Amino acid sequence: ERLRAALAWKFGGAVHISDTLGATSVVGAGINASNDNLRRGSAAFAAAGIAIHGIATSSFRITWTLERAHLDEAVRLLHRVFIETHPQPVP
């Protein structure tokens, strides 16, 4: 609560804290060499009915922000998409 109060005092309504969100990522050198991996992961979440609240990327990571209640399912889903059903190296 002290952190919430300090953020509200400093930033007012510009900051929103959510206790219901979490993040899951896929990592690997060149994971974002093309949009294919981002599309594959996002499409898998859409097909499973998991809403994406945000996406962040770097040269070695794709992170999806999701409801925390779906994180375990999301990790298993990404494992299936990127490891089990597509065992080829991610470019």
C-alpha atoms as a PDB file:
ATOM      1  CA  GLU A   1       0.000   0.000   0.000  1.00  0.00           C
ATOM      2  CA  ARG A   2       2.898   2.385   0.656  1.00  0.00           C
ATOM      3  CA  LEU A   3       4.143   1.884  -2.894  1.00  0.00           C
ATOM      4  CA  ARG A   4       0.688   2.502  -4.302  1.00  0.00           C
ATOM      5  CA  ALA A   5       0.342   5.687  -2.265  1.00  0.00           C
ATOM      6  CA  ALA A   6       3.809   6.932  -3.310  1.00  0.00           C
ATOM      7  CA  LEU A   7       3.079   6.292  -6.993  1.00  0.00           C
ATOM      8  CA  ALA A   8      -0.314   7.976  -6.762  1.00  0.00           C
ATOM      9  CA  TRP A   9       1.257  10.990  -5.040  1.00  0.00           C
ATOM     10  CA  LYS A  10       4.044  11.297  -7.621  1.00  0.00           C
ATOM     11  CA  PHE A  11       2.157  10.411 -10.816  1.00  0.00           C
ATOM     12  CA  GLY A  12      -1.526  10.853 -10.014  1.00  0.00           C
ATOM     13  CA  GLY A  13      -3.782   9.076 -12.474  1.00  0.00           C
ATOM     14  CA  ALA A  14      -0.971   8.473 -14.985  1.00  0.00           C
ATOM     15  CA  VAL A  15      -0.084   5.182 -13.266  1.00  0.00           C
ATOM     16  CA  HIS A  16      -2.297   2.136 -13.009  1.00  0.00           C
ATOM     17  CA  ILE A  17      -1.325  -0.866 -10.892  1.00  0.00           C
ATOM     18  CA  SER A  18      -2.934  -4.201 -11.659  1.00  0.00           C
ATOM     19  CA  ASP A  19      -2.641  -7.231  -9.413  1.00  0.00           C
ATOM     20  CA  THR A  20      -4.304  -9.481 -11.968  1.00  0.00           C
ATOM     21  CA  LEU A  21      -1.709  -9.444 -14.755  1.00  0.00           C
ATOM     22  CA  GLY A  22       1.431 -11.472 -15.317  1.00  0.00           C
ATOM     23  CA  ALA A  23       3.858 -12.080 -18.146  1.00  0.00           C
ATOM     24  CA  THR A  24       5.272 -15.014 -20.054  1.00  0.00           C
ATOM     25  CA  SER A  25       8.101 -14.946 -22.575  1.00  0.00           C
ATOM     26  CA  VAL A  26       9.858 -16.917 -25.260  1.00  0.00           C
ATOM     27  CA  VAL A  27      13.567 -16.269 -25.527  1.00  0.00           C
ATOM     28  CA  GLY A  28      16.265 -17.054 -28.030  1.00  0.00           C
ATOM     29  CA  ALA A  29      18.861 -15.363 -30.171  1.00  0.00           C
ATOM     30  CA  GLY A  30      17.120 -13.791 -33.171  1.00  0.00           C
ATOM     31  CA  ILE A  31      13.605 -14.610 -31.943  1.00  0.00           C
ATOM     32  CA  ASN A  32      12.444 -11.383 -33.590  1.00  0.00           C
ATOM     33  CA  ALA A  33      14.315 -11.765 -36.868  1.00  0.00           C
ATOM     34  CA  SER A  34      10.847 -11.728 -38.445  1.00  0.00           C
ATOM     35  CA  ASN A  35       7.270 -11.293 -37.199  1.00  0.00           C
ATOM     36  CA  ASP A  36       6.551 -15.007 -37.590  1.00  0.00           C
ATOM     37  CA  ASN A  37       7.276 -15.974 -33.974  1.00  0.00           C
ATOM     38  CA  LEU A  38       5.264 -13.077 -32.573  1.00  0.00           C
ATOM     39  CA  ARG A  39       2.340 -14.025 -34.825  1.00  0.00           C
ATOM     40  CA  ARG A  40       2.601 -17.737 -33.897  1.00  0.00           C
ATOM     41  CA  GLY A  41       2.469 -17.059 -30.169  1.00  0.00           C
ATOM     42  CA  SER A  42      -0.270 -14.449 -30.428  1.00  0.00           C
ATOM     43  CA  ALA A  43      -2.367 -16.676 -32.694  1.00  0.00           C
ATOM     44  CA  ALA A  44      -2.036 -19.554 -30.231  1.00  0.00           C
ATOM     45  CA  PHE A  45      -3.318 -17.343 -27.403  1.00  0.00           C
ATOM     46  CA  ALA A  46      -6.217 -16.121 -29.548  1.00  0.00           C
ATOM     47  CA  ALA A  47      -7.170 -19.683 -30.492  1.00  0.00           C
ATOM     48  CA  ALA A  48      -7.147 -20.651 -26.802  1.00  0.00           C
ATOM     49  CA  GLY A  49      -9.280 -17.635 -25.865  1.00  0.00           C
ATOM     50  CA  ILE A  50      -6.493 -15.983 -23.842  1.00  0.00           C
ATOM     51  CA  ALA A  51      -6.627 -12.196 -24.055  1.00  0.00           C
ATOM     52  CA  ILE A  52      -3.332 -10.396 -24.582  1.00  0.00           C
ATOM     53  CA  HIS A  53      -3.029  -7.173 -22.560  1.00  0.00           C
ATOM     54  CA  GLY A  54       0.367  -6.169 -23.910  1.00  0.00           C
ATOM     55  CA  ILE A  55       3.419  -7.285 -25.862  1.00  0.00           C
ATOM     56  CA  ALA A  56       7.051  -6.301 -25.394  1.00  0.00           C
ATOM     57  CA  THR A  57       9.961  -7.443 -27.544  1.00  0.00           C
ATOM     58  CA  SER A  58      13.710  -7.245 -27.747  1.00  0.00           C
ATOM     59  CA  SER A  59      16.237  -8.878 -30.038  1.00  0.00           C
ATOM     60  CA  PHE A  60      16.166 -12.031 -27.877  1.00  0.00           C
ATOM     61  CA  ARG A  61      12.713 -12.029 -26.243  1.00  0.00           C
ATOM     62  CA  ILE A  62       8.964 -11.805 -26.878  1.00  0.00           C
ATOM     63  CA  THR A  63       6.868 -11.178 -23.764  1.00  0.00           C
ATOM     64  CA  TRP A  64       3.087 -11.287 -23.595  1.00  0.00           C
ATOM     65  CA  THR A  65       1.175  -9.710 -20.706  1.00  0.00           C
ATOM     66  CA  LEU A  66      -1.854 -11.806 -19.775  1.00  0.00           C
ATOM     67  CA  GLU A  67      -4.258 -12.393 -16.925  1.00  0.00           C
ATOM     68  CA  ARG A  68      -2.359 -14.192 -14.151  1.00  0.00           C
ATOM     69  CA  ALA A  69      -5.066 -16.847 -14.037  1.00  0.00           C
ATOM     70  CA  HIS A  70      -3.975 -17.976 -17.530  1.00  0.00           C
ATOM     71  CA  LEU A  71      -0.197 -18.012 -17.022  1.00  0.00           C
ATOM     72  CA  ASP A  72       0.220 -21.759 -16.420  1.00  0.00           C
ATOM     73  CA  GLU A  73      -1.897 -22.538 -19.476  1.00  0.00           C
ATOM     74  CA  ALA A  74       0.018 -19.932 -21.501  1.00  0.00           C
ATOM     75  CA  VAL A  75       3.413 -21.432 -20.632  1.00  0.00           C
ATOM     76  CA  ARG A  76       2.237 -24.909 -21.672  1.00  0.00           C
ATOM     77  CA  LEU A  77       0.752 -23.463 -24.863  1.00  0.00           C
ATOM     78  CA  LEU A  78       3.968 -21.665 -25.843  1.00  0.00           C
ATOM     79  CA  HIS A  79       5.942 -24.835 -25.111  1.00  0.00           C
ATOM     80  CA  ARG A  80       3.660 -26.771 -27.454  1.00  0.00           C
ATOM     81  CA  VAL A  81       3.901 -24.118 -30.191  1.00  0.00           C
ATOM     82  CA  PHE A  82       7.635 -23.461 -30.046  1.00  0.00           C
ATOM     83  CA  ILE A  83       9.101 -26.737 -28.763  1.00  0.00           C
ATOM     84  CA  GLU A  84       6.807 -29.714 -29.256  1.00  0.00           C
ATOM     85  CA  THR A  85       5.079 -29.053 -32.577  1.00  0.00           C
ATOM     86  CA  HIS A  86       7.844 -26.978 -34.148  1.00  0.00           C
ATOM     87  CA  PRO A  87      11.119 -28.525 -33.003  1.00  0.00           C
ATOM     88  CA  GLN A  88      13.169 -26.621 -35.574  1.00  0.00           C
ATOM     89  CA  PRO A  89      15.417 -23.903 -34.150  1.00  0.00           C
ATOM     90  CA  VAL A  90      13.743 -20.529 -33.793  1.00  0.00           C
ATOM     91  CA  PRO A  91      15.625 -18.140 -36.112  1.00  0.00           C
END
